[in-house]
Structure formats: structure tokens, C-alpha cells
């Protein structure tokens, strides 16, 4: 097995462990299921990241969004959609133009 393949396998295993860990407590935040509303936004960073990893799946990585569209998607999830939007950008899940006119999923 070449080195690149081994590193890919390690990354895949690490991602799977993170996903399994996230799933353990995520049900308490998305009480109506993973596509439902968010009950509250956690203060601990590790839990925030788990929430953000779930939320980014609500966006199509093949398209761009206006700020209004981003807000509408996030408002269906949580009343304070601005905090979700800011965190998605700050943690590198979404990117945007400096003027906020265009957002996209950061790969």
C-alpha cells in the first residue's frame, strides 16, 4: 500500500470517529431529527462544530447563495440565524465575498 493511500485511510477513519462522536449527542440538539430545527446553540466549541457540520449539509456545494438565501435556510433551523451564519463562515464551512453579497460551501 502506498503512503498516500495509507494517509487517506487514516483520514477516513478519523472522520468516521468524529461523525460517530457527533451522533451521540446531536439528538439532544435536533430533537425532531437531523433536518429539523435546532433546539439551542451550544456554547462549547466541540459541540458547536458538530452542529455546524450538520448544518452545512443543508447547502448545495455546487451553487452560490445570496445572504438572504443563507438567512432563510438558517432561519428554518434556529431563530438567531445570524449567529449560525457567522459561525459557518468563521469556522470555514462557508465562504463569502467581503461585502457579503455571495456565499458558497467551502470545500
C-alpha atoms as a PDB file:
ATOM      1  CA  UNK A   1       0.000   0.000   0.000  1.00  0.00           C
ATOM      2  CA  UNK A   2       1.468   3.381  -0.932  1.00  0.00           C
ATOM      3  CA  UNK A   3       1.854   6.209   1.583  1.00  0.00           C
ATOM      4  CA  UNK A   4      -0.889   8.407   0.086  1.00  0.00           C
ATOM      5  CA  UNK A   5      -3.420   5.609   0.347  1.00  0.00           C
ATOM      6  CA  UNK A   6      -2.489   4.973   3.990  1.00  0.00           C
ATOM      7  CA  UNK A   7      -2.934   8.655   4.825  1.00  0.00           C
ATOM      8  CA  UNK A   8      -6.309   8.663   3.056  1.00  0.00           C
ATOM      9  CA  UNK A   9      -7.405   5.648   5.087  1.00  0.00           C
ATOM     10  CA  UNK A  10      -6.342   7.321   8.345  1.00  0.00           C
ATOM     11  CA  UNK A  11      -8.243  10.496   7.432  1.00  0.00           C
ATOM     12  CA  UNK A  12     -11.345   8.449   6.567  1.00  0.00           C
ATOM     13  CA  UNK A  13     -11.157   6.586   9.880  1.00  0.00           C
ATOM     14  CA  UNK A  14     -10.688   9.851  11.801  1.00  0.00           C
ATOM     15  CA  UNK A  15     -13.674  11.427  10.019  1.00  0.00           C
ATOM     16  CA  UNK A  16     -15.786   8.368  10.847  1.00  0.00           C
ATOM     17  CA  UNK A  17     -14.842   8.630  14.546  1.00  0.00           C
ATOM     18  CA  UNK A  18     -15.761  12.327  14.593  1.00  0.00           C
ATOM     19  CA  UNK A  19     -19.110  11.554  12.942  1.00  0.00           C
ATOM     20  CA  UNK A  20     -19.859   8.781  15.448  1.00  0.00           C
ATOM     21  CA  UNK A  21     -18.943  11.049  18.352  1.00  0.00           C
ATOM     22  CA  UNK A  22     -21.143  13.834  16.961  1.00  0.00           C
ATOM     23  CA  UNK A  23     -24.096  11.483  16.574  1.00  0.00           C
ATOM     24  CA  UNK A  24     -24.052  10.564  20.272  1.00  0.00           C
ATOM     25  CA  UNK A  25     -25.153  13.968  21.494  1.00  0.00           C
ATOM     26  CA  UNK A  26     -26.586  15.580  18.351  1.00  0.00           C
ATOM     27  CA  UNK A  27     -30.062  14.178  19.024  1.00  0.00           C
ATOM     28  CA  UNK A  28     -30.385  16.490  22.026  1.00  0.00           C
ATOM     29  CA  UNK A  29     -29.920  19.499  19.759  1.00  0.00           C
ATOM     30  CA  UNK A  30     -32.011  18.345  16.799  1.00  0.00           C
ATOM     31  CA  UNK A  31     -34.932  16.861  18.722  1.00  0.00           C
ATOM     32  CA  UNK A  32     -37.082  16.450  15.598  1.00  0.00           C
ATOM     33  CA  UNK A  33     -34.301  14.762  13.643  1.00  0.00           C
ATOM     34  CA  UNK A  34     -31.208  15.954  11.747  1.00  0.00           C
ATOM     35  CA  UNK A  35     -33.233  18.053   9.298  1.00  0.00           C
ATOM     36  CA  UNK A  36     -35.411  19.616  11.959  1.00  0.00           C
ATOM     37  CA  UNK A  37     -34.962  22.797  13.958  1.00  0.00           C
ATOM     38  CA  UNK A  38     -32.100  23.349  16.371  1.00  0.00           C
ATOM     39  CA  UNK A  39     -33.284  23.434  19.998  1.00  0.00           C
ATOM     40  CA  UNK A  40     -30.367  25.625  21.120  1.00  0.00           C
ATOM     41  CA  UNK A  41     -26.870  26.542  20.009  1.00  0.00           C
ATOM     42  CA  UNK A  42     -24.200  25.176  22.366  1.00  0.00           C
ATOM     43  CA  UNK A  43     -21.512  27.304  23.979  1.00  0.00           C
ATOM     44  CA  UNK A  44     -18.781  24.652  23.880  1.00  0.00           C
ATOM     45  CA  UNK A  45     -16.701  24.762  20.726  1.00  0.00           C
ATOM     46  CA  UNK A  46     -16.599  20.989  20.134  1.00  0.00           C
ATOM     47  CA  UNK A  47     -20.390  20.817  20.211  1.00  0.00           C
ATOM     48  CA  UNK A  48     -20.719  23.916  18.018  1.00  0.00           C
ATOM     49  CA  UNK A  49     -18.520  22.275  15.412  1.00  0.00           C
ATOM     50  CA  UNK A  50     -20.701  19.158  15.452  1.00  0.00           C
ATOM     51  CA  UNK A  51     -23.785  21.329  14.892  1.00  0.00           C
ATOM     52  CA  UNK A  52     -22.090  23.258  12.086  1.00  0.00           C
ATOM     53  CA  UNK A  53     -21.024  20.013  10.380  1.00  0.00           C
ATOM     54  CA  UNK A  54     -24.711  19.055  10.307  1.00  0.00           C
ATOM     55  CA  UNK A  55     -25.919  22.457   9.154  1.00  0.00           C
ATOM     56  CA  UNK A  56     -23.549  22.714   6.196  1.00  0.00           C
ATOM     57  CA  UNK A  57     -25.342  19.696   4.686  1.00  0.00           C
ATOM     58  CA  UNK A  58     -28.371  21.930   4.155  1.00  0.00           C
ATOM     59  CA  UNK A  59     -26.433  23.805   1.446  1.00  0.00           C
ATOM     60  CA  UNK A  60     -25.666  22.648  -2.089  1.00  0.00           C
ATOM     61  CA  UNK A  61     -21.882  22.792  -2.614  1.00  0.00           C
ATOM     62  CA  UNK A  62     -22.434  23.278  -6.353  1.00  0.00           C
ATOM     63  CA  UNK A  63     -24.110  26.675  -6.093  1.00  0.00           C
ATOM     64  CA  UNK A  64     -23.777  30.127  -4.629  1.00  0.00           C
ATOM     65  CA  UNK A  65     -26.212  31.857  -2.288  1.00  0.00           C
ATOM     66  CA  UNK A  66     -27.150  35.419  -1.511  1.00  0.00           C
ATOM     67  CA  UNK A  67     -27.061  36.448   2.139  1.00  0.00           C
ATOM     68  CA  UNK A  68     -30.853  36.466   2.116  1.00  0.00           C
ATOM     69  CA  UNK A  69     -30.947  32.845   0.894  1.00  0.00           C
ATOM     70  CA  UNK A  70     -28.444  31.772   3.555  1.00  0.00           C
ATOM     71  CA  UNK A  71     -30.522  33.540   6.206  1.00  0.00           C
ATOM     72  CA  UNK A  72     -33.728  31.856   5.005  1.00  0.00           C
ATOM     73  CA  UNK A  73     -32.172  28.374   5.177  1.00  0.00           C
ATOM     74  CA  UNK A  74     -30.740  29.016   8.627  1.00  0.00           C
ATOM     75  CA  UNK A  75     -33.886  30.742   9.944  1.00  0.00           C
ATOM     76  CA  UNK A  76     -35.757  27.460   9.387  1.00  0.00           C
ATOM     77  CA  UNK A  77     -33.242  25.922  11.779  1.00  0.00           C
ATOM     78  CA  UNK A  78     -32.839  28.495  14.540  1.00  0.00           C
ATOM     79  CA  UNK A  79     -34.306  31.943  15.312  1.00  0.00           C
ATOM     80  CA  UNK A  80     -30.845  33.532  15.688  1.00  0.00           C
ATOM     81  CA  UNK A  81     -29.769  32.625  12.150  1.00  0.00           C
ATOM     82  CA  UNK A  82     -27.081  35.336  12.180  1.00  0.00           C
ATOM     83  CA  UNK A  83     -25.041  33.504  14.817  1.00  0.00           C
ATOM     84  CA  UNK A  84     -25.236  30.338  12.730  1.00  0.00           C
ATOM     85  CA  UNK A  85     -24.175  32.197   9.579  1.00  0.00           C
ATOM     86  CA  UNK A  86     -21.261  33.898  11.359  1.00  0.00           C
ATOM     87  CA  UNK A  87     -20.057  30.618  12.813  1.00  0.00           C
ATOM     88  CA  UNK A  88     -20.317  28.799   9.482  1.00  0.00           C
ATOM     89  CA  UNK A  89     -18.078  31.481   7.975  1.00  0.00           C
ATOM     90  CA  UNK A  90     -15.687  31.792  10.939  1.00  0.00           C
ATOM     91  CA  UNK A  91     -15.122  28.042  11.172  1.00  0.00           C
ATOM     92  CA  UNK A  92     -14.569  27.731   7.421  1.00  0.00           C
ATOM     93  CA  UNK A  93     -17.702  25.848   6.379  1.00  0.00           C
ATOM     94  CA  UNK A  94     -18.975  28.727   4.230  1.00  0.00           C
ATOM     95  CA  UNK A  95     -17.002  31.379   2.409  1.00  0.00           C
ATOM     96  CA  UNK A  96     -18.204  34.719   1.103  1.00  0.00           C
ATOM     97  CA  UNK A  97     -17.227  37.864  -0.694  1.00  0.00           C
ATOM     98  CA  UNK A  98     -16.049  40.623   1.650  1.00  0.00           C
ATOM     99  CA  UNK A  99     -19.239  42.603   1.021  1.00  0.00           C
ATOM    100  CA  UNK A 100     -21.437  39.592   1.919  1.00  0.00           C
ATOM    101  CA  UNK A 101     -23.131  39.556  -1.472  1.00  0.00           C
ATOM    102  CA  UNK A 102     -22.326  35.934  -2.272  1.00  0.00           C
ATOM    103  CA  UNK A 103     -21.826  32.796  -0.132  1.00  0.00           C
ATOM    104  CA  UNK A 104     -20.760  29.259  -1.049  1.00  0.00           C
ATOM    105  CA  UNK A 105     -19.806  25.998   0.642  1.00  0.00           C
ATOM    106  CA  UNK A 106     -16.070  25.962   1.188  1.00  0.00           C
ATOM    107  CA  UNK A 107     -14.523  22.695   0.033  1.00  0.00           C
END
